[in-house]
Amino acid sequence: IPVVSIEDLGILREVRVGPDGHVQVVITPTYSGCPAME
C-alpha cells in the first residue's frame, strides 16, 4: 500500500544509532509470516 509509510502503519518500532554509527531499525510485521517484510 504505497500511500502509507511503515511509520504510518505502525510497523516501524524503533531506530537505534550506536556510538560507532551502526544503525539498527526494528520493525514488526502486521502478522507473522507477512511476505512484505523482506
PDB file of all heavy atoms in Angstrom:
ATOM      1  N   ILE A   1       0.878  -1.174   0.000  1.00  0.00           N
ATOM      2  CA  ILE A   1       0.000   0.000   0.000  1.00  0.00           C
ATOM      3  C   ILE A   1       0.917   1.226   0.000  1.00  0.00           C
ATOM      4  O   ILE A   1       1.188   1.809   1.044  1.00  0.00           O
ATOM      5  CB  ILE A   1      -0.916   0.022   1.238  1.00  0.00           C
ATOM      6  CG1 ILE A   1      -1.609  -1.333   1.432  1.00  0.00           C
ATOM      7  CG2 ILE A   1      -1.961   1.133   1.102  1.00  0.00           C
ATOM      8  CD1 ILE A   1      -2.251  -1.489   2.781  1.00  0.00           C
ATOM      9  N   PRO A   2       1.409   1.616  -1.165  1.00  0.00           N
ATOM     10  CA  PRO A   2       2.445   2.653  -1.224  1.00  0.00           C
ATOM     11  C   PRO A   2       2.026   4.048  -0.780  1.00  0.00           C
ATOM     12  O   PRO A   2       2.877   4.923  -0.669  1.00  0.00           O
ATOM     13  CB  PRO A   2       2.863   2.637  -2.692  1.00  0.00           C
ATOM     14  CG  PRO A   2       1.734   2.006  -3.420  1.00  0.00           C
ATOM     15  CD  PRO A   2       1.067   1.074  -2.472  1.00  0.00           C
ATOM     16  N   VAL A   3       0.757   4.272  -0.476  1.00  0.00           N
ATOM     17  CA  VAL A   3       0.336   5.597   0.002  1.00  0.00           C
ATOM     18  C   VAL A   3       0.603   5.777   1.492  1.00  0.00           C
ATOM     19  O   VAL A   3       0.427   6.878   2.021  1.00  0.00           O
ATOM     20  CB  VAL A   3      -1.155   5.879  -0.309  1.00  0.00           C
ATOM     21  CG1 VAL A   3      -1.398   5.898  -1.799  1.00  0.00           C
ATOM     22  CG2 VAL A   3      -2.053   4.895   0.413  1.00  0.00           C
ATOM     23  N   VAL A   4       1.006   4.709   2.177  1.00  0.00           N
ATOM     24  CA  VAL A   4       1.341   4.804   3.596  1.00  0.00           C
ATOM     25  C   VAL A   4       2.778   4.351   3.809  1.00  0.00           C
ATOM     26  O   VAL A   4       3.288   3.473   3.114  1.00  0.00           O
ATOM     27  CB  VAL A   4       0.394   3.973   4.494  1.00  0.00           C
ATOM     28  CG1 VAL A   4      -0.997   4.560   4.515  1.00  0.00           C
ATOM     29  CG2 VAL A   4       0.353   2.526   4.081  1.00  0.00           C
ATOM     30  N   SER A   5       3.414   4.962   4.786  1.00  0.00           N
ATOM     31  CA  SER A   5       4.783   4.583   5.135  1.00  0.00           C
ATOM     32  C   SER A   5       4.749   3.497   6.203  1.00  0.00           C
ATOM     33  O   SER A   5       3.703   3.234   6.809  1.00  0.00           O
ATOM     34  CB  SER A   5       5.549   5.792   5.662  1.00  0.00           C
ATOM     35  OG  SER A   5       5.065   6.163   6.942  1.00  0.00           O
ATOM     36  N   ILE A   6       5.916   2.919   6.452  1.00  0.00           N
ATOM     37  CA  ILE A   6       5.985   1.914   7.513  1.00  0.00           C
ATOM     38  C   ILE A   6       5.753   2.565   8.878  1.00  0.00           C
ATOM     39  O   ILE A   6       5.282   1.912   9.799  1.00  0.00           O
ATOM     40  CB  ILE A   6       7.293   1.098   7.465  1.00  0.00           C
ATOM     41  CG1 ILE A   6       8.525   1.975   7.683  1.00  0.00           C
ATOM     42  CG2 ILE A   6       7.371   0.309   6.162  1.00  0.00           C
ATOM     43  CD1 ILE A   6       9.836   1.186   7.783  1.00  0.00           C
ATOM     44  N   GLU A   7       6.024   3.859   8.979  1.00  0.00           N
ATOM     45  CA  GLU A   7       5.691   4.589  10.206  1.00  0.00           C
ATOM     46  C   GLU A   7       4.171   4.755  10.316  1.00  0.00           C
ATOM     47  O   GLU A   7       3.601   4.547  11.385  1.00  0.00           O
ATOM     48  CB  GLU A   7       6.368   5.955  10.222  1.00  0.00           C
ATOM     49  CG  GLU A   7       6.033   6.778  11.462  1.00  0.00           C
ATOM     50  CD  GLU A   7       6.620   8.171  11.426  1.00  0.00           C
ATOM     51  OE1 GLU A   7       6.537   8.828  10.364  1.00  0.00           O
ATOM     52  OE2 GLU A   7       7.154   8.592  12.456  1.00  0.00           O
ATOM     53  N   ASP A   8       3.521   5.138   9.213  1.00  0.00           N
ATOM     54  CA  ASP A   8       2.059   5.303   9.210  1.00  0.00           C
ATOM     55  C   ASP A   8       1.350   4.031   9.667  1.00  0.00           C
ATOM     56  O   ASP A   8       0.350   4.090  10.374  1.00  0.00           O
ATOM     57  CB  ASP A   8       1.536   5.651   7.809  1.00  0.00           C
ATOM     58  CG  ASP A   8       1.951   7.020   7.318  1.00  0.00           C
ATOM     59  OD1 ASP A   8       2.193   7.918   8.149  1.00  0.00           O
ATOM     60  OD2 ASP A   8       2.031   7.181   6.080  1.00  0.00           O
ATOM     61  N   LEU A   9       1.864   2.876   9.228  1.00  0.00           N
ATOM     62  CA  LEU A   9       1.234   1.598   9.579  1.00  0.00           C
ATOM     63  C   LEU A   9       1.576   1.142  10.986  1.00  0.00           C
ATOM     64  O   LEU A   9       0.969   0.214  11.500  1.00  0.00           O
ATOM     65  CB  LEU A   9       1.628   0.506   8.583  1.00  0.00           C
ATOM     66  CG  LEU A   9       0.907   0.543   7.252  1.00  0.00           C
ATOM     67  CD1 LEU A   9       1.390  -0.594   6.366  1.00  0.00           C
ATOM     68  CD2 LEU A   9      -0.597   0.452   7.435  1.00  0.00           C
ATOM     69  N   GLY A  10       2.560   1.782  11.598  1.00  0.00           N
ATOM     70  CA  GLY A  10       2.939   1.394  12.951  1.00  0.00           C
ATOM     71  C   GLY A  10       3.841   0.176  13.007  1.00  0.00           C
ATOM     72  O   GLY A  10       4.013  -0.410  14.072  1.00  0.00           O
ATOM     73  N   ILE A  11       4.436  -0.209  11.875  1.00  0.00           N
ATOM     74  CA  ILE A  11       5.349  -1.355  11.907  1.00  0.00           C
ATOM     75  C   ILE A  11       6.791  -0.933  12.168  1.00  0.00           C
ATOM     76  O   ILE A  11       7.617  -1.774  12.487  1.00  0.00           O
ATOM     77  CB  ILE A  11       5.250  -2.226  10.633  1.00  0.00           C
ATOM     78  CG1 ILE A  11       5.657  -1.468   9.390  1.00  0.00           C
ATOM     79  CG2 ILE A  11       3.851  -2.792  10.483  1.00  0.00           C
ATOM     80  CD1 ILE A  11       5.686  -2.330   8.147  1.00  0.00           C
ATOM     81  N   LEU A  12       7.084   0.360  12.068  1.00  0.00           N
ATOM     82  CA  LEU A  12       8.395   0.875  12.452  1.00  0.00           C
ATOM     83  C   LEU A  12       8.370   1.068  13.959  1.00  0.00           C
ATOM     84  O   LEU A  12       7.667   1.918  14.486  1.00  0.00           O
ATOM     85  CB  LEU A  12       8.691   2.201  11.746  1.00  0.00           C
ATOM     86  CG  LEU A  12      10.005   2.885  12.122  1.00  0.00           C
ATOM     87  CD1 LEU A  12      11.210   2.004  11.789  1.00  0.00           C
ATOM     88  CD2 LEU A  12      10.118   4.227  11.411  1.00  0.00           C
ATOM     89  N   ARG A  13       9.105   0.247  14.677  1.00  0.00           N
ATOM     90  CA  ARG A  13       9.023   0.256  16.135  1.00  0.00           C
ATOM     91  C   ARG A  13      10.103   1.099  16.792  1.00  0.00           C
ATOM     92  O   ARG A  13       9.864   1.801  17.755  1.00  0.00           O
ATOM     93  CB  ARG A  13       9.110  -1.185  16.678  1.00  0.00           C
ATOM     94  CG  ARG A  13       8.040  -2.117  16.137  1.00  0.00           C
ATOM     95  CD  ARG A  13       6.623  -1.639  16.317  1.00  0.00           C
ATOM     96  NE  ARG A  13       6.352  -1.306  17.693  1.00  0.00           N
ATOM     97  CZ  ARG A  13       5.537  -0.343  18.088  1.00  0.00           C
ATOM     98  NH1 ARG A  13       4.904   0.388  17.208  1.00  0.00           N
ATOM     99  NH2 ARG A  13       5.358  -0.091  19.353  1.00  0.00           N
ATOM    100  N   GLU A  14      11.328   1.007  16.276  1.00  0.00           N
ATOM    101  CA  GLU A  14      12.428   1.716  16.924  1.00  0.00           C
ATOM    102  C   GLU A  14      13.582   1.872  15.949  1.00  0.00           C
ATOM    103  O   GLU A  14      13.764   1.050  15.050  1.00  0.00           O
ATOM    104  CB  GLU A  14      12.897   0.948  18.166  1.00  0.00           C
ATOM    105  CG  GLU A  14      13.898   1.707  18.989  1.00  0.00           C
ATOM    106  CD  GLU A  14      14.124   1.098  20.363  1.00  0.00           C
ATOM    107  OE1 GLU A  14      13.375   0.199  20.769  1.00  0.00           O
ATOM    108  OE2 GLU A  14      15.078   1.552  21.008  1.00  0.00           O
ATOM    109  N   VAL A  15      14.360   2.925  16.161  1.00  0.00           N
ATOM    110  CA  VAL A  15      15.595   3.145  15.418  1.00  0.00           C
ATOM    111  C   VAL A  15      16.654   3.501  16.446  1.00  0.00           C
ATOM    112  O   VAL A  15      16.458   4.414  17.250  1.00  0.00           O
ATOM    113  CB  VAL A  15      15.451   4.271  14.374  1.00  0.00           C
ATOM    114  CG1 VAL A  15      16.774   4.512  13.668  1.00  0.00           C
ATOM    115  CG2 VAL A  15      14.358   3.934  13.359  1.00  0.00           C
ATOM    116  N   ARG A  16      17.745   2.743  16.428  1.00  0.00           N
ATOM    117  CA  ARG A  16      18.850   2.994  17.357  1.00  0.00           C
ATOM    118  C   ARG A  16      20.099   3.321  16.551  1.00  0.00           C
ATOM    119  O   ARG A  16      20.332   2.714  15.501  1.00  0.00           O
ATOM    120  CB  ARG A  16      19.125   1.760  18.207  1.00  0.00           C
ATOM    121  CG  ARG A  16      17.969   1.286  19.036  1.00  0.00           C
ATOM    122  CD  ARG A  16      18.356   0.032  19.843  1.00  0.00           C
ATOM    123  NE  ARG A  16      17.179  -0.593  20.375  1.00  0.00           N
ATOM    124  CZ  ARG A  16      16.686  -1.763  19.972  1.00  0.00           C
ATOM    125  NH1 ARG A  16      17.296  -2.456  19.038  1.00  0.00           N
ATOM    126  NH2 ARG A  16      15.589  -2.244  20.509  1.00  0.00           N
ATOM    127  N   VAL A  17      20.903   4.246  17.071  1.00  0.00           N
ATOM    128  CA  VAL A  17      22.181   4.584  16.448  1.00  0.00           C
ATOM    129  C   VAL A  17      23.257   4.433  17.508  1.00  0.00           C
ATOM    130  O   VAL A  17      23.206   5.098  18.555  1.00  0.00           O
ATOM    131  CB  VAL A  17      22.183   6.017  15.883  1.00  0.00           C
ATOM    132  CG1 VAL A  17      23.527   6.335  15.247  1.00  0.00           C
ATOM    133  CG2 VAL A  17      21.053   6.212  14.870  1.00  0.00           C
ATOM    134  N   GLY A  18      24.213   3.536  17.243  1.00  0.00           N
ATOM    135  CA  GLY A  18      25.296   3.315  18.184  1.00  0.00           C
ATOM    136  C   GLY A  18      26.366   4.385  18.070  1.00  0.00           C
ATOM    137  O   GLY A  18      26.423   5.132  17.080  1.00  0.00           O
ATOM    138  N   PRO A  19      27.245   4.466  19.067  1.00  0.00           N
ATOM    139  CA  PRO A  19      28.319   5.456  19.039  1.00  0.00           C
ATOM    140  C   PRO A  19      29.286   5.246  17.877  1.00  0.00           C
ATOM    141  O   PRO A  19      29.960   6.182  17.451  1.00  0.00           O
ATOM    142  CB  PRO A  19      29.013   5.285  20.390  1.00  0.00           C
ATOM    143  CG  PRO A  19      28.552   3.987  20.936  1.00  0.00           C
ATOM    144  CD  PRO A  19      27.254   3.660  20.278  1.00  0.00           C
ATOM    145  N   ASP A  20      29.308   4.031  17.347  1.00  0.00           N
ATOM    146  CA  ASP A  20      30.174   3.726  16.201  1.00  0.00           C
ATOM    147  C   ASP A  20      29.482   4.011  14.867  1.00  0.00           C
ATOM    148  O   ASP A  20      30.042   3.765  13.802  1.00  0.00           O
ATOM    149  CB  ASP A  20      30.616   2.262  16.257  1.00  0.00           C
ATOM    150  CG  ASP A  20      29.440   1.284  16.204  1.00  0.00           C
ATOM    151  OD1 ASP A  20      28.265   1.731  16.267  1.00  0.00           O
ATOM    152  OD2 ASP A  20      29.684   0.066  16.092  1.00  0.00           O
ATOM    153  N   GLY A  21      28.235   4.526  14.927  1.00  0.00           N
ATOM    154  CA  GLY A  21      27.497   4.847  13.709  1.00  0.00           C
ATOM    155  C   GLY A  21      26.613   3.728  13.200  1.00  0.00           C
ATOM    156  O   GLY A  21      25.856   3.909  12.243  1.00  0.00           O
ATOM    157  N   HIS A  22      26.672   2.553  13.842  1.00  0.00           N
ATOM    158  CA  HIS A  22      25.820   1.420  13.433  1.00  0.00           C
ATOM    159  C   HIS A  22      24.356   1.752  13.705  1.00  0.00           C
ATOM    160  O   HIS A  22      24.002   2.198  14.795  1.00  0.00           O
ATOM    161  CB  HIS A  22      26.229   0.158  14.195  1.00  0.00           C
ATOM    162  CG  HIS A  22      25.362  -1.021  13.898  1.00  0.00           C
ATOM    163  ND1 HIS A  22      25.442  -1.718  12.723  1.00  0.00           N
ATOM    164  CD2 HIS A  22      24.370  -1.596  14.631  1.00  0.00           C
ATOM    165  CE1 HIS A  22      24.538  -2.697  12.739  1.00  0.00           C
ATOM    166  NE2 HIS A  22      23.883  -2.645  13.875  1.00  0.00           N
ATOM    167  N   VAL A  23      23.510   1.551  12.696  1.00  0.00           N
ATOM    168  CA  VAL A  23      22.084   1.840  12.816  1.00  0.00           C
ATOM    169  C   VAL A  23      21.319   0.521  12.882  1.00  0.00           C
ATOM    170  O   VAL A  23      21.554  -0.379  12.075  1.00  0.00           O
ATOM    171  CB  VAL A  23      21.578   2.678  11.614  1.00  0.00           C
ATOM    172  CG1 VAL A  23      20.074   2.916  11.719  1.00  0.00           C
ATOM    173  CG2 VAL A  23      22.335   3.996  11.522  1.00  0.00           C
ATOM    174  N   GLN A  24      20.409   0.440  13.829  1.00  0.00           N
ATOM    175  CA  GLN A  24      19.537  -0.727  13.944  1.00  0.00           C
ATOM    176  C   GLN A  24      18.099  -0.239  13.843  1.00  0.00           C
ATOM    177  O   GLN A  24      17.667   0.622  14.619  1.00  0.00           O
ATOM    178  CB  GLN A  24      19.750  -1.449  15.269  1.00  0.00           C
ATOM    179  CG  GLN A  24      18.916  -2.715  15.378  1.00  0.00           C
ATOM    180  CD  GLN A  24      19.127  -3.404  16.713  1.00  0.00           C
ATOM    181  OE1 GLN A  24      19.130  -2.759  17.759  1.00  0.00           O
ATOM    182  NE2 GLN A  24      19.301  -4.709  16.668  1.00  0.00           N
ATOM    183  N   VAL A  25      17.377  -0.779  12.863  1.00  0.00           N
ATOM    184  CA  VAL A  25      15.970  -0.438  12.644  1.00  0.00           C
ATOM    185  C   VAL A  25      15.138  -1.646  13.055  1.00  0.00           C
ATOM    186  O   VAL A  25      15.399  -2.763  12.601  1.00  0.00           O
ATOM    187  CB  VAL A  25      15.709  -0.081  11.160  1.00  0.00           C
ATOM    188  CG1 VAL A  25      14.239   0.218  10.924  1.00  0.00           C
ATOM    189  CG2 VAL A  25      16.590   1.084  10.730  1.00  0.00           C
ATOM    190  N   VAL A  26      14.158  -1.433  13.911  1.00  0.00           N
ATOM    191  CA  VAL A  26      13.315  -2.515  14.419  1.00  0.00           C
ATOM    192  C   VAL A  26      11.928  -2.374  13.802  1.00  0.00           C
ATOM    193  O   VAL A  26      11.305  -1.316  13.898  1.00  0.00           O
ATOM    194  CB  VAL A  26      13.235  -2.478  15.957  1.00  0.00           C
ATOM    195  CG1 VAL A  26      12.353  -3.608  16.478  1.00  0.00           C
ATOM    196  CG2 VAL A  26      14.627  -2.549  16.571  1.00  0.00           C
ATOM    197  N   ILE A  27      11.466  -3.449  13.159  1.00  0.00           N
ATOM    198  CA  ILE A  27      10.140  -3.464  12.543  1.00  0.00           C
ATOM    199  C   ILE A  27       9.355  -4.680  13.031  1.00  0.00           C
ATOM    200  O   ILE A  27       9.935  -5.689  13.407  1.00  0.00           O
ATOM    201  CB  ILE A  27      10.207  -3.454  10.994  1.00  0.00           C
ATOM    202  CG1 ILE A  27      11.026  -4.639  10.457  1.00  0.00           C
ATOM    203  CG2 ILE A  27      10.784  -2.133  10.495  1.00  0.00           C
ATOM    204  CD1 ILE A  27      11.080  -4.740   8.931  1.00  0.00           C
ATOM    205  N   THR A  28       8.039  -4.544  13.006  1.00  0.00           N
ATOM    206  CA  THR A  28       7.131  -5.622  13.406  1.00  0.00           C
ATOM    207  C   THR A  28       6.153  -5.858  12.259  1.00  0.00           C
ATOM    208  O   THR A  28       5.539  -4.908  11.771  1.00  0.00           O
ATOM    209  CB  THR A  28       6.347  -5.231  14.674  1.00  0.00           C
ATOM    210  OG1 THR A  28       7.269  -5.024  15.738  1.00  0.00           O
ATOM    211  CG2 THR A  28       5.356  -6.305  15.078  1.00  0.00           C
ATOM    212  N   PRO A  29       5.985  -7.113  11.820  1.00  0.00           N
ATOM    213  CA  PRO A  29       5.037  -7.371  10.723  1.00  0.00           C
ATOM    214  C   PRO A  29       3.595  -7.197  11.178  1.00  0.00           C
ATOM    215  O   PRO A  29       3.283  -7.309  12.362  1.00  0.00           O
ATOM    216  CB  PRO A  29       5.317  -8.833  10.362  1.00  0.00           C
ATOM    217  CG  PRO A  29       5.851  -9.436  11.616  1.00  0.00           C
ATOM    218  CD  PRO A  29       6.611  -8.338  12.313  1.00  0.00           C
ATOM    219  N   THR A  30       2.722  -6.921  10.225  1.00  0.00           N
ATOM    220  CA  THR A  30       1.302  -6.813  10.541  1.00  0.00           C
ATOM    221  C   THR A  30       0.738  -8.162  10.970  1.00  0.00           C
ATOM    222  O   THR A  30      -0.256  -8.216  11.687  1.00  0.00           O
ATOM    223  CB  THR A  30       0.490  -6.273   9.350  1.00  0.00           C
ATOM    224  OG1 THR A  30       0.728  -7.107   8.209  1.00  0.00           O
ATOM    225  CG2 THR A  30       0.873  -4.829   9.048  1.00  0.00           C
ATOM    226  N   TYR A  31       1.358  -9.234  10.537  1.00  0.00           N
ATOM    227  CA  TYR A  31       1.046 -10.572  11.035  1.00  0.00           C
ATOM    228  C   TYR A  31       2.257 -11.446  10.765  1.00  0.00           C
ATOM    229  O   TYR A  31       3.039 -11.180   9.854  1.00  0.00           O
ATOM    230  CB  TYR A  31      -0.231 -11.162  10.392  1.00  0.00           C
ATOM    231  CG  TYR A  31      -0.111 -11.463   8.933  1.00  0.00           C
ATOM    232  CD1 TYR A  31       0.198 -12.750   8.486  1.00  0.00           C
ATOM    233  CD2 TYR A  31      -0.297 -10.473   7.974  1.00  0.00           C
ATOM    234  CE1 TYR A  31       0.321 -13.030   7.135  1.00  0.00           C
ATOM    235  CE2 TYR A  31      -0.181 -10.742   6.624  1.00  0.00           C
ATOM    236  CZ  TYR A  31       0.133 -12.023   6.210  1.00  0.00           C
ATOM    237  OH  TYR A  31       0.261 -12.299   4.876  1.00  0.00           O
ATOM    238  N   SER A  32       2.459 -12.483  11.588  1.00  0.00           N
ATOM    239  CA  SER A  32       3.635 -13.335  11.395  1.00  0.00           C
ATOM    240  C   SER A  32       3.512 -14.036  10.048  1.00  0.00           C
ATOM    241  O   SER A  32       2.444 -14.482   9.649  1.00  0.00           O
ATOM    242  CB  SER A  32       3.774 -14.344  12.533  1.00  0.00           C
ATOM    243  OG  SER A  32       2.677 -15.214  12.573  1.00  0.00           O
ATOM    244  N   GLY A  33       4.597 -14.056   9.343  1.00  0.00           N
ATOM    245  CA  GLY A  33       4.599 -14.661   8.018  1.00  0.00           C
ATOM    246  C   GLY A  33       4.264 -13.676   6.909  1.00  0.00           C
ATOM    247  O   GLY A  33       4.119 -14.070   5.754  1.00  0.00           O
ATOM    248  N   CYS A  34       4.146 -12.398   7.217  1.00  0.00           N
ATOM    249  CA  CYS A  34       3.821 -11.384   6.204  1.00  0.00           C
ATOM    250  C   CYS A  34       4.901 -11.384   5.121  1.00  0.00           C
ATOM    251  O   CYS A  34       6.074 -11.163   5.417  1.00  0.00           O
ATOM    252  CB  CYS A  34       3.720 -10.010   6.858  1.00  0.00           C
ATOM    253  SG  CYS A  34       3.461  -8.673   5.674  1.00  0.00           S
ATOM    254  N   PRO A  35       4.531 -11.633   3.870  1.00  0.00           N
ATOM    255  CA  PRO A  35       5.528 -11.724   2.799  1.00  0.00           C
ATOM    256  C   PRO A  35       6.170 -10.385   2.439  1.00  0.00           C
ATOM    257  O   PRO A  35       7.215 -10.356   1.800  1.00  0.00           O
ATOM    258  CB  PRO A  35       4.726 -12.275   1.617  1.00  0.00           C
ATOM    259  CG  PRO A  35       3.317 -11.871   1.888  1.00  0.00           C
ATOM    260  CD  PRO A  35       3.171 -11.879   3.380  1.00  0.00           C
ATOM    261  N   ALA A  36       5.596  -9.282   2.887  1.00  0.00           N
ATOM    262  CA  ALA A  36       6.143  -7.962   2.548  1.00  0.00           C
ATOM    263  C   ALA A  36       7.369  -7.612   3.388  1.00  0.00           C
ATOM    264  O   ALA A  36       8.083  -6.662   3.063  1.00  0.00           O
ATOM    265  CB  ALA A  36       5.071  -6.892   2.724  1.00  0.00           C
ATOM    266  N   MET A  37       7.638  -8.344   4.455  1.00  0.00           N
ATOM    267  CA  MET A  37       8.716  -7.957   5.363  1.00  0.00           C
ATOM    268  C   MET A  37      10.092  -7.972   4.691  1.00  0.00           C
ATOM    269  O   MET A  37      10.918  -7.106   4.977  1.00  0.00           O
ATOM    270  CB  MET A  37       8.714  -8.839   6.612  1.00  0.00           C
ATOM    271  CG  MET A  37       7.470  -8.654   7.474  1.00  0.00           C
ATOM    272  SD  MET A  37       6.945  -6.936   7.751  1.00  0.00           S
ATOM    273  CE  MET A  37       8.231  -6.345   8.801  1.00  0.00           C
ATOM    274  N   GLU A  38      10.357  -8.900   3.821  1.00  0.00           N
ATOM    275  CA  GLU A  38      11.659  -8.920   3.138  1.00  0.00           C
ATOM    276  C   GLU A  38      11.790  -7.730   2.201  1.00  0.00           C
ATOM    277  O   GLU A  38      12.865  -7.138   2.090  1.00  0.00           O
ATOM    278  CB  GLU A  38      11.883 -10.243   2.409  1.00  0.00           C
ATOM    279  CG  GLU A  38      12.275 -11.377   3.333  1.00  0.00           C
ATOM    280  CD  GLU A  38      13.462 -11.040   4.246  1.00  0.00           C
ATOM    281  OE1 GLU A  38      14.503 -10.536   3.765  1.00  0.00           O
ATOM    282  OE2 GLU A  38      13.338 -11.272   5.463  1.00  0.00           O
TER     283      GLU A  38
END
